[in-house]
Protein backbone atom coordinates (compact mmCIF):
# COMPACT_ATOMS: atom_id res chain seq x y z
CA MET A 1 -23.38 2.57 20.16
CA THR A 2 -19.90 2.93 19.00
CA ALA A 3 -19.08 6.28 17.23
CA LYS A 4 -17.71 6.16 13.73
CA ILE A 5 -14.19 6.87 13.34
CA GLN A 6 -13.41 10.07 11.44
CA TYR A 7 -10.36 9.78 9.33
CA PRO A 8 -8.57 12.90 8.10
CA LYS A 9 -9.44 14.17 4.71
CA ILE A 10 -6.46 14.41 2.28
CA ASP A 11 -6.32 14.67 -1.42
CA LEU A 12 -4.92 11.41 -2.60
CA TYR A 13 -4.24 10.42 -6.24
CA HIS A 14 -3.59 6.98 -7.83
CA TYR A 15 -1.78 7.14 -11.04
CA THR A 16 -2.60 4.05 -13.20
CA SER A 17 -3.22 2.49 -16.76
CA ILE A 18 -6.66 3.00 -18.45
CA GLY A 19 -6.70 -0.80 -18.31
CA SER A 20 -6.50 -0.70 -14.36
CA LEU A 21 -9.07 1.96 -14.32
CA PHE A 22 -11.52 -0.30 -16.29
CA SER A 23 -10.92 -3.21 -13.97
CA ILE A 24 -11.64 -1.04 -10.89
CA LEU A 25 -14.93 0.19 -12.33
CA GLN A 26 -16.08 -2.89 -14.16
CA ASN A 27 -15.35 -5.37 -11.46
CA GLU A 28 -15.66 -2.99 -8.52
CA THR A 29 -12.41 -4.23 -7.11
CA ILE A 30 -8.95 -2.67 -6.09
CA ARG A 31 -5.54 -4.24 -6.57
CA LEU A 32 -2.52 -3.96 -4.29
CA THR A 33 0.99 -4.89 -5.51
CA ASP A 34 3.59 -7.35 -3.71
CA TYR A 35 6.12 -4.85 -2.28
CA ARG A 36 8.89 -6.80 -4.12
CA PHE A 37 7.68 -5.61 -7.44
CA LEU A 38 7.20 -1.91 -6.66
CA ASN A 39 9.55 0.34 -8.80
CA ASP A 40 12.19 1.12 -6.25
CA THR A 41 14.87 -1.38 -6.38
CA GLN A 42 15.81 -0.34 -2.63
CA GLU A 43 12.22 -1.11 -1.46
CA LEU A 44 12.49 -2.25 2.13
CA SER A 45 16.25 -2.50 1.99
CA TYR A 46 16.94 1.22 2.19
CA ALA A 47 15.36 1.51 5.82
CA LEU A 48 16.67 -1.87 6.90
CA ASN A 49 20.13 -1.17 6.19
CA TRP A 50 19.82 2.12 8.25
CA LEU A 51 18.08 0.60 11.06
CA LYS A 52 21.08 -2.18 11.23
CA ASP A 53 23.53 0.59 11.27
CA TYR A 54 21.58 2.42 14.15
CA LEU A 55 21.39 -0.61 16.28
CA ALA A 56 25.00 -1.91 15.55
CA PRO A 57 26.28 -0.28 18.95
CA LYS A 58 23.28 -2.09 20.71
CA ALA A 59 23.94 -5.44 19.16
CA GLU A 60 24.83 -7.11 22.68
CA GLU A 61 21.89 -5.80 24.24
CA GLU A 62 18.76 -7.94 24.52
CA PHE A 63 16.49 -5.55 22.58
CA GLY A 64 19.28 -4.96 19.90
CA LYS A 65 19.71 -8.83 19.44
CA LYS A 66 16.04 -9.33 19.03
CA VAL A 67 15.57 -6.63 16.50
CA LEU A 68 18.68 -7.48 14.51
CA THR A 69 17.68 -11.12 14.31
CA ALA A 70 14.23 -10.04 13.06
CA ILE A 71 15.91 -7.78 10.47
CA ASP A 72 18.09 -10.89 9.22
CA ASN A 73 14.90 -13.00 8.97
CA ILE A 74 13.12 -10.31 7.06
CA GLU A 75 15.95 -9.85 4.66
CA HIS A 76 15.60 -13.44 3.90
CA GLY A 77 11.66 -13.02 3.32
CA LYS A 78 10.59 -14.45 6.39
CA ILE A 79 8.17 -13.13 9.24
CA GLU A 80 7.49 -14.41 12.61
CA ARG A 81 3.88 -15.33 13.66
CA ILE A 82 2.48 -17.47 16.57
CA LYS A 83 -0.03 -20.07 16.39
CA SER A 84 -1.73 -22.61 18.96
CA ILE A 85 0.31 -25.91 19.44
CA SER A 86 -2.72 -27.75 18.90
CA ASP A 87 -6.72 -26.95 18.32
CA GLY A 88 -8.26 -25.64 21.63
CA SER A 89 -4.67 -25.25 23.37
CA PRO A 90 -3.88 -22.22 25.23
CA TYR A 91 -0.32 -22.60 24.49
CA MET A 92 1.37 -20.82 21.62
CA GLN A 93 4.40 -21.44 19.49
CA ARG A 94 6.47 -19.15 17.19
CA TYR A 95 7.28 -20.05 13.70
CA LEU A 96 8.63 -18.52 10.59
CA CYS A 97 6.49 -17.93 7.43
CA ASP A 98 7.21 -16.14 3.82
CA ILE A 99 6.49 -12.41 4.11
CA HIS A 100 3.56 -11.26 1.70
CA TYR A 101 2.85 -7.55 1.88
CA TYR A 102 0.66 -5.81 -0.75
CA ILE A 103 0.75 -2.10 -1.19
CA LEU A 104 -1.53 0.55 -2.83
CA SER A 105 0.52 3.55 -3.75
CA LEU A 106 -1.20 7.05 -3.64
CA PHE A 107 0.26 10.59 -4.02
CA ARG A 108 -0.39 13.98 -2.89
CA ARG A 109 0.68 15.53 -6.47
CA TYR A 110 -1.86 16.15 -8.89
CA ASP A 111 -1.78 16.32 -12.57
CA ASP A 112 1.91 16.38 -12.41
CA LEU A 113 4.23 15.82 -15.67
CA ALA A 114 6.77 13.77 -13.73
CA MET A 115 4.22 11.51 -12.31
CA TRP A 116 2.36 11.04 -15.58
CA ARG A 117 5.75 10.21 -17.32
CA MET A 118 6.79 7.70 -14.58
CA TYR A 119 3.53 5.89 -13.79
CA ALA A 120 0.66 6.76 -16.40
CA LYS A 121 1.79 8.14 -19.38
CA ASP A 122 -1.05 6.69 -21.39
CA GLY A 123 -3.43 6.33 -18.40
CA CYS A 124 -5.22 8.48 -15.97
CA CYS A 125 -5.03 9.67 -12.07
CA ILE A 126 -8.04 8.84 -9.75
CA LYS A 127 -8.65 11.05 -6.82
CA PHE A 128 -9.88 8.86 -4.02
CA ASN A 129 -11.92 9.96 -0.90
CA SER A 130 -9.21 9.12 1.65
CA GLN A 131 -11.90 8.74 4.58
CA LYS A 132 -13.81 6.27 2.55
CA LEU A 133 -10.63 4.52 1.37
CA LYS A 134 -9.44 4.15 4.94
CA GLU A 135 -12.87 2.91 6.14
CA PHE A 136 -12.82 0.37 3.32
CA PHE A 137 -9.26 -0.90 4.34
CA TYR A 138 -9.91 -1.01 8.16
CA GLY A 139 -13.16 -2.78 7.37
CA PHE A 140 -11.07 -5.62 5.62
CA ARG A 141 -9.01 -5.87 8.64
CA ASP A 142 -11.86 -6.02 11.06
CA ALA A 143 -13.42 -8.64 9.10
CA ASN A 144 -10.33 -10.55 9.19
CA LEU A 145 -9.26 -9.99 12.88
CA GLU A 146 -10.10 -13.73 13.95
CA LYS A 147 -7.87 -14.78 11.25
CA GLY A 148 -4.97 -12.94 12.57
CA LEU A 149 -4.88 -9.99 10.26
CA MET A 150 -2.62 -7.33 11.64
CA ASN A 151 -3.11 -3.51 11.23
CA PRO A 152 -2.68 -2.15 7.64
CA ILE A 153 0.11 0.05 6.73
CA ASP A 154 -1.37 3.47 6.56
CA GLY A 155 0.50 6.58 6.29
CA GLU A 156 2.83 9.07 4.63
CA VAL A 157 6.15 7.76 3.22
CA ARG A 158 9.16 9.59 4.58
CA TYR A 159 12.27 10.43 2.70
CA GLU A 160 15.89 11.26 3.86
CA ILE A 161 15.95 9.63 7.06
CA ASN A 162 18.77 11.63 8.48
CA LYS A 163 16.41 14.78 8.29
CA VAL A 164 13.87 12.96 10.27
CA THR A 165 16.08 11.37 12.64
CA GLU A 166 14.20 12.25 15.95
CA LEU A 167 10.78 10.76 14.51
CA VAL A 168 12.68 7.72 13.10
CA ILE A 169 14.54 7.04 16.56
CA ASN A 170 11.15 7.24 18.25
CA ASP A 171 9.78 4.54 15.87
CA VAL A 172 12.75 2.58 16.57
CA HIS A 173 12.28 2.64 20.43
CA ASN A 174 8.65 1.72 19.90
CA LEU A 175 9.51 -1.68 18.45
CA LYS A 176 9.46 -3.03 21.89
CA ASN A 177 6.32 -5.09 21.66
CA GLU A 178 7.71 -8.69 21.11
CA LEU A 179 4.64 -9.87 19.47
CA MET A 180 4.33 -7.10 16.95
CA LEU A 181 8.00 -6.71 16.34
CA TYR A 182 8.18 -7.85 12.81
CA ASP A 183 5.10 -6.19 11.66
CA ASP A 184 6.16 -2.97 13.37
CA ILE A 185 9.58 -3.39 11.37
CA LEU A 186 7.87 -3.94 8.28
CA ARG A 187 5.61 -1.08 8.70
CA PHE A 188 8.21 1.20 9.66
CA CYS A 189 10.54 0.38 6.67
CA LEU A 190 7.75 0.21 3.99
CA LEU A 191 7.00 3.74 4.90
CA VAL A 192 10.55 4.98 4.36
CA LYS A 193 12.15 5.32 1.00
CA SER A 194 15.31 6.54 -0.84
CA PRO A 195 15.23 10.58 -1.18
CA SER A 196 15.46 9.92 -4.93
CA PHE A 197 11.88 9.40 -4.71
CA SER A 198 10.85 12.45 -2.64
CA PHE A 199 9.29 14.14 -5.52
CA GLU A 200 6.28 11.76 -5.32
CA HIS A 201 4.93 12.69 -2.04
CA GLU A 202 3.65 9.22 -1.51
CA ASN A 203 1.16 8.02 0.87
CA ARG A 204 0.68 4.21 1.31
CA MET A 205 -2.17 1.56 2.28
CA GLY A 206 -0.86 -1.85 2.73
CA ILE A 207 -1.98 -5.15 3.87
CA PRO A 208 0.13 -8.15 5.50
CA PHE A 209 -1.42 -10.87 3.66
CA GLU A 210 -1.69 -14.61 4.24
CA ASP A 211 -3.63 -17.45 2.42
CA GLN A 212 -6.11 -17.65 5.35
CA TYR A 213 -7.51 -14.17 4.38
CA LEU A 214 -8.65 -15.61 0.77
CA GLY A 215 -12.28 -15.71 0.32
CA GLU A 216 -15.31 -14.11 -1.65
CA ASN A 217 -13.96 -10.75 -0.59
CA CYS A 218 -10.27 -11.25 -1.39
CA SER A 219 -8.24 -13.22 -4.24
CA LYS A 220 -4.55 -13.38 -5.29
CA GLU A 221 -4.22 -12.31 -9.01
CA PHE A 222 -1.35 -11.83 -11.38
CA LEU A 223 -0.38 -9.11 -13.70
CA LEU A 224 2.02 -9.32 -16.78
CA SER A 225 4.08 -6.40 -17.14
CA GLY A 226 6.64 -6.48 -19.90
CA THR A 227 8.69 -9.76 -19.02
CA THR A 228 7.55 -9.59 -15.29
CA ILE A 229 4.68 -11.41 -13.68
CA ARG A 230 3.40 -9.29 -10.72
CA PRO A 231 1.69 -11.10 -7.82
CA GLN A 232 -1.31 -8.74 -6.73
CA LEU A 233 -4.00 -8.92 -3.99
CA GLU A 234 -7.49 -7.94 -5.46
CA LEU A 235 -10.01 -6.82 -2.76
CA LYS A 236 -13.68 -7.03 -3.76
CA ASN A 237 -16.74 -5.04 -3.16
CA PHE A 238 -14.66 -1.91 -3.61
CA PRO A 239 -17.27 0.93 -3.09
CA ILE A 240 -16.29 2.87 -6.26
CA ARG A 241 -19.37 5.20 -5.96
CA ASP A 242 -18.19 6.45 -2.57
CA ILE A 243 -14.59 6.54 -3.13
CA ILE A 244 -13.79 7.84 -6.41
CA GLU A 245 -14.01 11.61 -6.63
CA GLU A 246 -12.39 12.60 -9.91
CA ILE A 247 -10.76 10.91 -12.91
CA THR A 248 -8.15 12.95 -14.96
CA ILE A 249 -6.85 11.63 -18.09
CA SER A 250 -3.20 12.00 -18.99
CA PRO A 251 -1.98 14.77 -21.31
CA PHE A 252 -0.34 12.15 -23.38
CA VAL A 253 -3.70 10.52 -24.46
CA THR A 254 -5.22 12.55 -27.18
CA SER A 255 -8.20 10.51 -28.38
CA GLU A 256 -11.55 12.05 -27.32
CA LEU A 257 -12.86 8.50 -27.27
CA THR A 258 -10.96 7.67 -24.09
CA LYS A 259 -12.96 10.53 -22.27
CA ILE A 260 -16.16 9.33 -23.92
CA GLY A 261 -15.77 5.64 -23.13
CA ILE A 262 -15.00 6.29 -19.48
CA GLN A 263 -17.86 8.57 -18.98
CA GLU A 264 -20.21 5.92 -20.50
CA LEU A 265 -18.78 3.18 -18.18
CA LEU A 266 -19.36 5.71 -15.17
CA ILE A 267 -22.90 6.09 -16.17
CA SER A 268 -23.48 2.49 -16.29
CA LYS A 269 -22.26 2.16 -12.85
CA GLY A 270 -24.38 4.93 -11.37
CA ILE A 271 -21.61 7.67 -11.14
CA SER A 272 -21.69 11.09 -12.58
CA PRO A 273 -19.68 11.35 -16.00
CA ASP A 274 -18.74 14.87 -14.80
CA VAL A 275 -15.95 13.46 -12.52
CA VAL A 276 -13.71 12.83 -15.70
CA ARG A 277 -11.42 15.75 -16.45
CA LEU A 278 -8.54 16.32 -19.15
CA SER A 279 -5.17 17.02 -17.77
CA GLN A 280 -4.41 20.86 -17.87
CA ILE A 281 -0.76 20.35 -18.92
CA SER A 282 -0.09 21.38 -22.63
CA ILE A 283 2.54 18.99 -24.09
CA ARG A 284 3.04 17.69 -27.61
């Protein structure tokens, strides 16, 4: 009998709108956002540019050439994959396809005024059970291994690359598994952000999505946000009763009916209404 993996317990919070909370509870789903539509305009490019500068002196070496070629393709929205040259053939061929990475942003800051203002002024903050959340994501990976799904992004975002140079360089030198090169670069770069966002203390879960994963447990959806249509990946059968530990309502939401409505929905789903809290921040 295989022992169950015990993931570390971390307090992680997802700041979101009341509408998104309603969707999570009502439909028992969770949505991830296409990395290109996250709020950091330097998403991915910040770390890619650092990586290019670091590798510039190694540009003539075989390893440097391979990584820099991969970076150039990634900057043009392409990722390398391998497939059989024909059904049943043991011979494989490489090909380039579009990058589709979807991210769930989580934060280690609870009931924080800056976070409310930036992400959920009229919304809420959901505390997830990090162990159960990881079990869900890795379960999705396991169910799609035969379709080629790589490991999800899973980790703490790092800021100010120069202050973690040793860790970063170790990561760079670990990018030597040729079959995993593109995914390793993307995982590395999507877990590095500009120091302008260091106040967030962000963790990320992410999935390298391709159309072959679509099915009864996964669908591609779209969200209209202002003048922007955001592609999202919706994962079904999200175990809300196991994963949601607490819901805190923004200090900018003053209607008592918001709390009552959330509690009634929770009761209908078999979840205690006592998980709902009001922010402790006093603000007009």
